[in-house]
Amino acid sequence: MRLALYQSRSPAGDIPAGIAILHSALKGAAQSGVDMLVMPELFLPGYNAVTETPPEGWGVVNETVAGLCRTHGVGLTIGLPEYDGPRVYNSAFAFDATGKELARYRKVQLFGPREKRLFTPGEQHVTFDYLEHRFGLLICYDVEFPEHGRALARAGAQVILCPTANMMPYVNVNLIQVPGRALENGITIVYANYTGTEGDLTYVGYSVIAGPDGYPLGSKGKGEGLVVAEQPTDLLENGIPFSTQLSDYRPAKEP
C-alpha cells in the first residue's frame, strides 16, 4: 500500500485553480504508484473561503473530483464542505481509484469561533476497507484528542487519513502530537496540511506521514509538493509490536 499527501497553498476561493492543483497532485501520485492520496482540509474552495451557502456550480464538485480519481486511477481523501439543507459540515470524502465514494466523515471537534459558527459538528467515527487495509478518517483538530485516534484503532484502523489546515503557532501538533498519536496506537497517520497564507492565516506546513513507531515515513517542510511513503507491512521490532498500549490498557477508577 503506497500512501501520499500533497502539501499545497490554498486555492483561497478559486475553485478552478483548486481543481488544477488537484489534477496535478493526482497526476504526480499516479506516476509514483500511489494507492491513496490525501489533500488538506476544505481544500475546495479553501479553508478560509467556505461560506454558509454553496458557491455557484458547487453541485458538480464531487462529480468532478470523482472524475479526476477515475482519470488518474488513484484513490483520494479530500476535505470539502458538505451542504445538507441549512446545515454545513466540515467533511472528508474518500474515493477509490474508480471515483466511487468509499466513505465520508464529518468533523467532530470544531476549532475556534468561526468553525463553531459556520459548521454543524459531526457525531460519528468512520472506518472503511480499501485494498486489504482498514482506514479511519479524522480532520485537523480531531487528531489532537487521543480518544478519537484510540476509537479508530479499536475499530481496527491501520491508517488514519487526516486532512488539516493547521496554522501558526501550532507547529507542535505536526512535529510532536501527530507522531505521538501514531505511536500510542501503533498506526500510520497521513496528515496533509497547507503551506503559505490565506487571508489572516499563516499555515505551518510540515505535513507528515507518521509511521506506527512514531517516526516519519515521509514529511514536508514549508514547500509545496507530494510526499509518498509505503505503509509498513512488518509492525514488529525483534518480534515485539512497536505499540502494546492498545492490548495492555487497564482502566482505573476515577480519583
C-alpha atoms as a PDB file:
ATOM      1  CA  MET A   1       0.000   0.000   0.000  1.00  0.00           C
ATOM      2  CA  ARG A   2       1.514   3.267  -1.136  1.00  0.00           C
ATOM      3  CA  LEU A   3       0.240   6.361   0.661  1.00  0.00           C
ATOM      4  CA  ALA A   4       0.769  10.018  -0.205  1.00  0.00           C
ATOM      5  CA  LEU A   5      -0.150  13.539   0.772  1.00  0.00           C
ATOM      6  CA  TYR A   6       0.020  16.774  -1.153  1.00  0.00           C
ATOM      7  CA  GLN A   7       1.005  19.932   0.705  1.00  0.00           C
ATOM      8  CA  SER A   8      -0.434  22.907  -1.158  1.00  0.00           C
ATOM      9  CA  ARG A   9      -1.219  26.562  -0.946  1.00  0.00           C
ATOM     10  CA  SER A  10      -4.933  27.168  -0.504  1.00  0.00           C
ATOM     11  CA  PRO A  11      -6.986  27.927  -3.623  1.00  0.00           C
ATOM     12  CA  ALA A  12      -8.481  30.725  -1.478  1.00  0.00           C
ATOM     13  CA  GLY A  13     -11.903  30.538  -3.119  1.00  0.00           C
ATOM     14  CA  ASP A  14     -10.697  29.987  -6.689  1.00  0.00           C
ATOM     15  CA  ILE A  15     -12.293  26.607  -7.379  1.00  0.00           C
ATOM     16  CA  PRO A  16     -10.892  26.186 -10.947  1.00  0.00           C
ATOM     17  CA  ALA A  17      -7.411  26.850  -9.547  1.00  0.00           C
ATOM     18  CA  GLY A  18      -8.030  24.259  -6.840  1.00  0.00           C
ATOM     19  CA  ILE A  19      -9.179  21.712  -9.422  1.00  0.00           C
ATOM     20  CA  ALA A  20      -5.997  22.375 -11.401  1.00  0.00           C
ATOM     21  CA  ILE A  21      -3.851  21.765  -8.298  1.00  0.00           C
ATOM     22  CA  LEU A  22      -5.771  18.572  -7.563  1.00  0.00           C
ATOM     23  CA  HIS A  23      -5.309  17.379 -11.155  1.00  0.00           C
ATOM     24  CA  SER A  24      -1.556  17.944 -10.884  1.00  0.00           C
ATOM     25  CA  ALA A  25      -1.362  16.229  -7.488  1.00  0.00           C
ATOM     26  CA  LEU A  26      -3.238  13.158  -8.714  1.00  0.00           C
ATOM     27  CA  LYS A  27      -1.118  13.011 -11.860  1.00  0.00           C
ATOM     28  CA  GLY A  28       2.045  13.007  -9.763  1.00  0.00           C
ATOM     29  CA  ALA A  29       0.573  10.432  -7.411  1.00  0.00           C
ATOM     30  CA  ALA A  30      -0.303   8.159 -10.339  1.00  0.00           C
ATOM     31  CA  GLN A  31       3.250   8.417 -11.699  1.00  0.00           C
ATOM     32  CA  SER A  32       4.528   7.394  -8.248  1.00  0.00           C
ATOM     33  CA  GLY A  33       2.213   4.381  -7.985  1.00  0.00           C
ATOM     34  CA  VAL A  34       0.185   5.832  -5.127  1.00  0.00           C
ATOM     35  CA  ASP A  35      -2.919   3.984  -3.907  1.00  0.00           C
ATOM     36  CA  MET A  36      -4.360   6.730  -1.676  1.00  0.00           C
ATOM     37  CA  LEU A  37      -3.606  10.464  -1.792  1.00  0.00           C
ATOM     38  CA  VAL A  38      -4.658  12.888   0.973  1.00  0.00           C
ATOM     39  CA  MET A  39      -5.315  16.599   0.354  1.00  0.00           C
ATOM     40  CA  PRO A  40      -5.770  19.339   3.010  1.00  0.00           C
ATOM     41  CA  GLU A  41      -8.910  20.294   4.939  1.00  0.00           C
ATOM     42  CA  LEU A  42     -11.703  22.021   2.991  1.00  0.00           C
ATOM     43  CA  PHE A  43      -9.342  22.073   0.012  1.00  0.00           C
ATOM     44  CA  LEU A  44     -12.154  23.196  -2.234  1.00  0.00           C
ATOM     45  CA  PRO A  45     -12.842  26.091  -2.057  1.00  0.00           C
ATOM     46  CA  GLY A  46     -10.124  26.624   0.585  1.00  0.00           C
ATOM     47  CA  TYR A  47     -10.290  26.520   4.378  1.00  0.00           C
ATOM     48  CA  ASN A  48     -10.790  30.261   4.844  1.00  0.00           C
ATOM     49  CA  ALA A  49     -13.134  30.597   1.846  1.00  0.00           C
ATOM     50  CA  VAL A  50     -16.083  28.403   2.906  1.00  0.00           C
ATOM     51  CA  THR A  51     -19.429  30.199   3.003  1.00  0.00           C
ATOM     52  CA  GLU A  52     -22.767  29.345   4.579  1.00  0.00           C
ATOM     53  CA  THR A  53     -24.348  28.663   1.192  1.00  0.00           C
ATOM     54  CA  PRO A  54     -22.860  26.678  -1.717  1.00  0.00           C
ATOM     55  CA  PRO A  55     -20.946  28.752  -4.280  1.00  0.00           C
ATOM     56  CA  GLU A  56     -22.185  28.796  -7.861  1.00  0.00           C
ATOM     57  CA  GLY A  57     -21.607  25.458  -9.577  1.00  0.00           C
ATOM     58  CA  TRP A  58     -20.847  23.631  -6.341  1.00  0.00           C
ATOM     59  CA  GLY A  59     -23.286  20.816  -7.159  1.00  0.00           C
ATOM     60  CA  VAL A  60     -20.855  19.209  -9.605  1.00  0.00           C
ATOM     61  CA  VAL A  61     -17.702  19.466  -7.460  1.00  0.00           C
ATOM     62  CA  ASN A  62     -17.935  15.944  -6.014  1.00  0.00           C
ATOM     63  CA  GLU A  63     -18.522  14.541  -9.504  1.00  0.00           C
ATOM     64  CA  THR A  64     -15.541  16.481 -10.822  1.00  0.00           C
ATOM     65  CA  VAL A  65     -13.314  15.208  -8.013  1.00  0.00           C
ATOM     66  CA  ALA A  66     -14.504  11.636  -8.561  1.00  0.00           C
ATOM     67  CA  GLY A  67     -13.807  12.007 -12.285  1.00  0.00           C
ATOM     68  CA  LEU A  68     -10.225  13.075 -11.579  1.00  0.00           C
ATOM     69  CA  CYS A  69      -9.726   9.956  -9.449  1.00  0.00           C
ATOM     70  CA  ARG A  70     -11.014   7.859 -12.326  1.00  0.00           C
ATOM     71  CA  THR A  71      -8.837   9.653 -14.880  1.00  0.00           C
ATOM     72  CA  HIS A  72      -5.649   9.112 -12.896  1.00  0.00           C
ATOM     73  CA  GLY A  73      -6.534   5.784 -11.264  1.00  0.00           C
ATOM     74  CA  VAL A  74      -5.698   6.976  -7.745  1.00  0.00           C
ATOM     75  CA  GLY A  75      -7.724   6.851  -4.527  1.00  0.00           C
ATOM     76  CA  LEU A  76      -8.258  10.208  -2.846  1.00  0.00           C
ATOM     77  CA  THR A  77      -9.206  11.624   0.538  1.00  0.00           C
ATOM     78  CA  ILE A  78     -10.045  15.324   0.400  1.00  0.00           C
ATOM     79  CA  GLY A  79     -11.611  17.912   2.667  1.00  0.00           C
ATOM     80  CA  LEU A  80     -14.781  19.539   1.301  1.00  0.00           C
ATOM     81  CA  PRO A  81     -17.713  21.398   2.845  1.00  0.00           C
ATOM     82  CA  GLU A  82     -20.842  19.268   2.846  1.00  0.00           C
ATOM     83  CA  TYR A  83     -24.048  21.245   2.369  1.00  0.00           C
ATOM     84  CA  ASP A  84     -27.040  19.413   3.817  1.00  0.00           C
ATOM     85  CA  GLY A  85     -30.097  21.680   3.753  1.00  0.00           C
ATOM     86  CA  PRO A  86     -29.471  24.539   6.186  1.00  0.00           C
ATOM     87  CA  ARG A  87     -26.501  22.746   7.737  1.00  0.00           C
ATOM     88  CA  VAL A  88     -22.870  22.834   6.639  1.00  0.00           C
ATOM     89  CA  TYR A  89     -20.416  20.149   7.720  1.00  0.00           C
ATOM     90  CA  ASN A  90     -16.642  20.229   7.584  1.00  0.00           C
ATOM     91  CA  SER A  91     -16.244  16.852   5.878  1.00  0.00           C
ATOM     92  CA  ALA A  92     -13.655  14.488   4.475  1.00  0.00           C
ATOM     93  CA  PHE A  93     -14.587  12.367   1.463  1.00  0.00           C
ATOM     94  CA  ALA A  94     -12.715   9.224   0.461  1.00  0.00           C
ATOM     95  CA  PHE A  95     -12.900   7.951  -3.133  1.00  0.00           C
ATOM     96  CA  ASP A  96     -11.398   4.844  -4.677  1.00  0.00           C
ATOM     97  CA  ALA A  97      -9.392   4.767  -7.906  1.00  0.00           C
ATOM     98  CA  THR A  98     -12.593   4.471  -9.970  1.00  0.00           C
ATOM     99  CA  GLY A  99     -14.141   7.555  -8.369  1.00  0.00           C
ATOM    100  CA  LYS A 100     -16.534   5.561  -6.170  1.00  0.00           C
ATOM    101  CA  GLU A 101     -17.197   7.184  -2.800  1.00  0.00           C
ATOM    102  CA  LEU A 102     -15.861   4.913  -0.073  1.00  0.00           C
ATOM    103  CA  ALA A 103     -16.709   6.993   2.988  1.00  0.00           C
ATOM    104  CA  ARG A 104     -17.436  10.460   4.259  1.00  0.00           C
ATOM    105  CA  TYR A 105     -16.723  11.823   7.712  1.00  0.00           C
ATOM    106  CA  ARG A 106     -17.974  14.966   9.426  1.00  0.00           C
ATOM    107  CA  LYS A 107     -15.520  16.758  11.714  1.00  0.00           C
ATOM    108  CA  VAL A 108     -16.442  16.243  15.354  1.00  0.00           C
ATOM    109  CA  GLN A 109     -14.117  18.738  17.053  1.00  0.00           C
ATOM    110  CA  LEU A 110     -14.747  22.185  15.633  1.00  0.00           C
ATOM    111  CA  PHE A 111     -11.915  24.653  16.244  1.00  0.00           C
ATOM    112  CA  GLY A 112     -12.400  28.271  17.211  1.00  0.00           C
ATOM    113  CA  PRO A 113     -15.381  30.627  16.949  1.00  0.00           C
ATOM    114  CA  ARG A 114     -15.522  30.754  13.134  1.00  0.00           C
ATOM    115  CA  GLU A 115     -15.800  26.974  12.720  1.00  0.00           C
ATOM    116  CA  LYS A 116     -18.325  26.723  15.550  1.00  0.00           C
ATOM    117  CA  ARG A 117     -20.443  29.422  13.962  1.00  0.00           C
ATOM    118  CA  LEU A 118     -20.260  28.066  10.423  1.00  0.00           C
ATOM    119  CA  PHE A 119     -20.361  24.278  10.803  1.00  0.00           C
ATOM    120  CA  THR A 120     -22.531  21.671  12.482  1.00  0.00           C
ATOM    121  CA  PRO A 121     -20.350  19.161  14.349  1.00  0.00           C
ATOM    122  CA  GLY A 122     -20.295  15.530  13.298  1.00  0.00           C
ATOM    123  CA  GLU A 123     -21.194  12.759  15.713  1.00  0.00           C
ATOM    124  CA  GLN A 124     -19.845   9.509  14.254  1.00  0.00           C
ATOM    125  CA  HIS A 125     -16.440   7.899  13.761  1.00  0.00           C
ATOM    126  CA  VAL A 126     -15.921   6.365  10.334  1.00  0.00           C
ATOM    127  CA  THR A 127     -13.804   3.461   9.086  1.00  0.00           C
ATOM    128  CA  PHE A 128     -13.689   1.801   5.681  1.00  0.00           C
ATOM    129  CA  ASP A 129     -11.825  -1.024   3.971  1.00  0.00           C
ATOM    130  CA  TYR A 130      -9.801  -0.493   0.797  1.00  0.00           C
ATOM    131  CA  LEU A 131      -7.129  -2.654  -0.840  1.00  0.00           C
ATOM    132  CA  GLU A 132      -6.964  -5.019   2.137  1.00  0.00           C
ATOM    133  CA  HIS A 133      -6.399  -2.222   4.638  1.00  0.00           C
ATOM    134  CA  ARG A 134      -8.753  -0.605   7.119  1.00  0.00           C
ATOM    135  CA  PHE A 135      -8.725   3.185   7.204  1.00  0.00           C
ATOM    136  CA  GLY A 136     -10.133   5.746   9.606  1.00  0.00           C
ATOM    137  CA  LEU A 137     -10.861   9.412   8.898  1.00  0.00           C
ATOM    138  CA  LEU A 138     -10.211  12.438  11.102  1.00  0.00           C
ATOM    139  CA  ILE A 139      -9.945  16.153  10.310  1.00  0.00           C
ATOM    140  CA  CYS A 140      -7.393  18.553  11.795  1.00  0.00           C
ATOM    141  CA  TYR A 141      -8.369  19.333  15.412  1.00  0.00           C
ATOM    142  CA  ASP A 142      -9.894  15.847  15.817  1.00  0.00           C
ATOM    143  CA  VAL A 143      -6.474  14.202  15.879  1.00  0.00           C
ATOM    144  CA  GLU A 144      -5.414  16.343  18.841  1.00  0.00           C
ATOM    145  CA  PHE A 145      -7.829  14.408  21.068  1.00  0.00           C
ATOM    146  CA  PRO A 146      -6.442  10.960  21.993  1.00  0.00           C
ATOM    147  CA  GLU A 147      -9.929   9.499  22.325  1.00  0.00           C
ATOM    148  CA  HIS A 148     -10.632   9.744  18.589  1.00  0.00           C
ATOM    149  CA  GLY A 149      -7.439   8.056  17.468  1.00  0.00           C
ATOM    150  CA  ARG A 150      -7.910   5.317  20.049  1.00  0.00           C
ATOM    151  CA  ALA A 151     -11.509   4.718  18.960  1.00  0.00           C
ATOM    152  CA  LEU A 152     -10.399   4.234  15.348  1.00  0.00           C
ATOM    153  CA  ALA A 153      -7.567   1.932  16.408  1.00  0.00           C
ATOM    154  CA  ARG A 154     -10.011  -0.148  18.456  1.00  0.00           C
ATOM    155  CA  ALA A 155     -12.206  -0.351  15.351  1.00  0.00           C
ATOM    156  CA  GLY A 156      -9.291  -1.951  13.526  1.00  0.00           C
ATOM    157  CA  ALA A 157      -7.945   1.028  11.576  1.00  0.00           C
ATOM    158  CA  GLN A 158      -4.378   0.565  10.379  1.00  0.00           C
ATOM    159  CA  VAL A 159      -4.143   4.028   8.827  1.00  0.00           C
ATOM    160  CA  ILE A 160      -5.772   7.349   9.763  1.00  0.00           C
ATOM    161  CA  LEU A 161      -6.199   9.800   6.884  1.00  0.00           C
ATOM    162  CA  CYS A 162      -6.330  13.357   8.206  1.00  0.00           C
ATOM    163  CA  PRO A 163      -6.833  16.465   6.043  1.00  0.00           C
ATOM    164  CA  THR A 164      -5.819  19.519   8.053  1.00  0.00           C
ATOM    165  CA  ALA A 165      -5.471  23.299   7.931  1.00  0.00           C
ATOM    166  CA  ASN A 166      -3.129  23.763  10.846  1.00  0.00           C
ATOM    167  CA  MET A 167      -1.967  27.325  11.270  1.00  0.00           C
ATOM    168  CA  MET A 168       0.638  29.187  13.289  1.00  0.00           C
ATOM    169  CA  PRO A 169       1.604  28.939  16.070  1.00  0.00           C
ATOM    170  CA  TYR A 170       0.631  25.270  16.435  1.00  0.00           C
ATOM    171  CA  VAL A 171       3.735  23.645  14.922  1.00  0.00           C
ATOM    172  CA  ASN A 172       3.925  21.302  17.931  1.00  0.00           C
ATOM    173  CA  VAL A 173       0.882  19.420  16.612  1.00  0.00           C
ATOM    174  CA  ASN A 174       2.701  18.436  13.410  1.00  0.00           C
ATOM    175  CA  LEU A 175       6.073  17.712  14.974  1.00  0.00           C
ATOM    176  CA  ILE A 176       5.070  16.114  18.286  1.00  0.00           C
ATOM    177  CA  GLN A 177       1.390  15.361  18.713  1.00  0.00           C
ATOM    178  CA  VAL A 178       0.641  13.582  15.418  1.00  0.00           C
ATOM    179  CA  PRO A 179       3.703  11.274  15.622  1.00  0.00           C
ATOM    180  CA  GLY A 180       2.842  10.544  19.257  1.00  0.00           C
ATOM    181  CA  ARG A 181      -0.733   9.689  18.303  1.00  0.00           C
ATOM    182  CA  ALA A 182       0.561   7.265  15.671  1.00  0.00           C
ATOM    183  CA  LEU A 183       2.944   5.627  18.157  1.00  0.00           C
ATOM    184  CA  GLU A 184       0.477   5.228  21.016  1.00  0.00           C
ATOM    185  CA  ASN A 185      -1.960   3.427  18.711  1.00  0.00           C
ATOM    186  CA  GLY A 186       0.556   1.560  16.541  1.00  0.00           C
ATOM    187  CA  ILE A 187      -0.957   3.001  13.348  1.00  0.00           C
ATOM    188  CA  THR A 188       0.055   5.240  10.442  1.00  0.00           C
ATOM    189  CA  ILE A 189      -1.318   8.791  10.248  1.00  0.00           C
ATOM    190  CA  VAL A 190      -1.317  10.740   6.976  1.00  0.00           C
ATOM    191  CA  TYR A 191      -1.589  14.401   7.998  1.00  0.00           C
ATOM    192  CA  ALA A 192      -1.940  16.677   4.951  1.00  0.00           C
ATOM    193  CA  ASN A 193      -1.607  20.400   5.635  1.00  0.00           C
ATOM    194  CA  TYR A 194      -1.485  23.680   3.719  1.00  0.00           C
ATOM    195  CA  THR A 195       1.507  25.964   3.391  1.00  0.00           C
ATOM    196  CA  GLY A 196       1.663  29.717   2.814  1.00  0.00           C
ATOM    197  CA  THR A 197      -1.002  32.231   3.801  1.00  0.00           C
ATOM    198  CA  GLU A 198      -4.736  32.617   3.261  1.00  0.00           C
ATOM    199  CA  GLY A 199      -6.300  35.842   4.467  1.00  0.00           C
ATOM    200  CA  ASP A 200      -5.340  36.297   8.098  1.00  0.00           C
ATOM    201  CA  LEU A 201      -3.989  32.741   8.459  1.00  0.00           C
ATOM    202  CA  THR A 202      -0.422  31.542   8.079  1.00  0.00           C
ATOM    203  CA  TYR A 203      -0.242  27.776   7.705  1.00  0.00           C
ATOM    204  CA  VAL A 204       2.617  25.907   9.337  1.00  0.00           C
ATOM    205  CA  GLY A 205       3.240  23.391   6.529  1.00  0.00           C
ATOM    206  CA  TYR A 206       5.124  20.385   7.959  1.00  0.00           C
ATOM    207  CA  SER A 207       2.748  17.774   6.607  1.00  0.00           C
ATOM    208  CA  VAL A 208       3.763  14.300   7.741  1.00  0.00           C
ATOM    209  CA  ILE A 209       3.114  10.617   7.204  1.00  0.00           C
ATOM    210  CA  ALA A 210       3.850   9.295  10.700  1.00  0.00           C
ATOM    211  CA  GLY A 211       4.522   5.570  10.935  1.00  0.00           C
ATOM    212  CA  PRO A 212       3.301   3.219  13.669  1.00  0.00           C
ATOM    213  CA  ASP A 213       6.613   3.644  15.525  1.00  0.00           C
ATOM    214  CA  GLY A 214       6.111   7.434  15.600  1.00  0.00           C
ATOM    215  CA  TYR A 215       8.917   8.143  13.145  1.00  0.00           C
ATOM    216  CA  PRO A 216       8.097   9.946   9.887  1.00  0.00           C
ATOM    217  CA  LEU A 217       7.768   7.748   6.830  1.00  0.00           C
ATOM    218  CA  GLY A 218       7.771  10.974   4.826  1.00  0.00           C
ATOM    219  CA  SER A 219       7.390  14.666   5.588  1.00  0.00           C
ATOM    220  CA  LYS A 220       7.411  18.130   4.060  1.00  0.00           C
ATOM    221  CA  GLY A 221       8.820  21.365   5.394  1.00  0.00           C
ATOM    222  CA  LYS A 222       7.381  24.650   4.135  1.00  0.00           C
ATOM    223  CA  GLY A 223       7.343  23.895   0.420  1.00  0.00           C
ATOM    224  CA  GLU A 224       4.565  22.642  -1.808  1.00  0.00           C
ATOM    225  CA  GLY A 225       4.522  19.151  -3.231  1.00  0.00           C
ATOM    226  CA  LEU A 226       3.923  15.443  -2.962  1.00  0.00           C
ATOM    227  CA  VAL A 227       5.106  13.151  -0.164  1.00  0.00           C
ATOM    228  CA  VAL A 228       4.963   9.391  -0.820  1.00  0.00           C
ATOM    229  CA  ALA A 229       5.519   6.521   1.613  1.00  0.00           C
ATOM    230  CA  GLU A 230       4.930   2.792   1.857  1.00  0.00           C
ATOM    231  CA  GLN A 231       2.625   1.555   4.596  1.00  0.00           C
ATOM    232  CA  PRO A 232       4.792  -0.767   6.704  1.00  0.00           C
ATOM    233  CA  THR A 233       3.965  -4.450   6.366  1.00  0.00           C
ATOM    234  CA  ASP A 234       6.035  -5.539   9.382  1.00  0.00           C
ATOM    235  CA  LEU A 235       4.893  -3.758  12.520  1.00  0.00           C
ATOM    236  CA  LEU A 236       7.236  -5.721  14.777  1.00  0.00           C
ATOM    237  CA  GLU A 237      10.700  -4.887  16.073  1.00  0.00           C
ATOM    238  CA  ASN A 238      12.549  -8.098  17.041  1.00  0.00           C
ATOM    239  CA  GLY A 239       9.185  -9.831  17.277  1.00  0.00           C
ATOM    240  CA  ILE A 240       7.699  -7.205  19.596  1.00  0.00           C
ATOM    241  CA  PRO A 241       4.976  -4.753  18.449  1.00  0.00           C
ATOM    242  CA  PHE A 242       6.052  -1.105  18.355  1.00  0.00           C
ATOM    243  CA  SER A 243       2.974  -0.271  20.430  1.00  0.00           C
ATOM    244  CA  THR A 244       1.432  -2.581  23.042  1.00  0.00           C
ATOM    245  CA  GLN A 245      -0.710   0.009  24.817  1.00  0.00           C
ATOM    246  CA  LEU A 246      -3.878  -0.992  22.996  1.00  0.00           C
ATOM    247  CA  SER A 247      -3.701  -4.595  24.204  1.00  0.00           C
ATOM    248  CA  ASP A 248      -2.239  -3.851  27.650  1.00  0.00           C
ATOM    249  CA  TYR A 249      -4.531  -0.998  28.718  1.00  0.00           C
ATOM    250  CA  ARG A 250      -6.263  -1.471  32.099  1.00  0.00           C
ATOM    251  CA  PRO A 251      -8.911   1.040  33.161  1.00  0.00           C
ATOM    252  CA  ALA A 252      -8.542   2.544  36.621  1.00  0.00           C
ATOM    253  CA  LYS A 253     -11.134   4.137  38.872  1.00  0.00           C
ATOM    254  CA  GLU A 254     -11.541   7.889  38.648  1.00  0.00           C
ATOM    255  CA  PRO A 255      -9.980   9.806  41.582  1.00  0.00           C
END
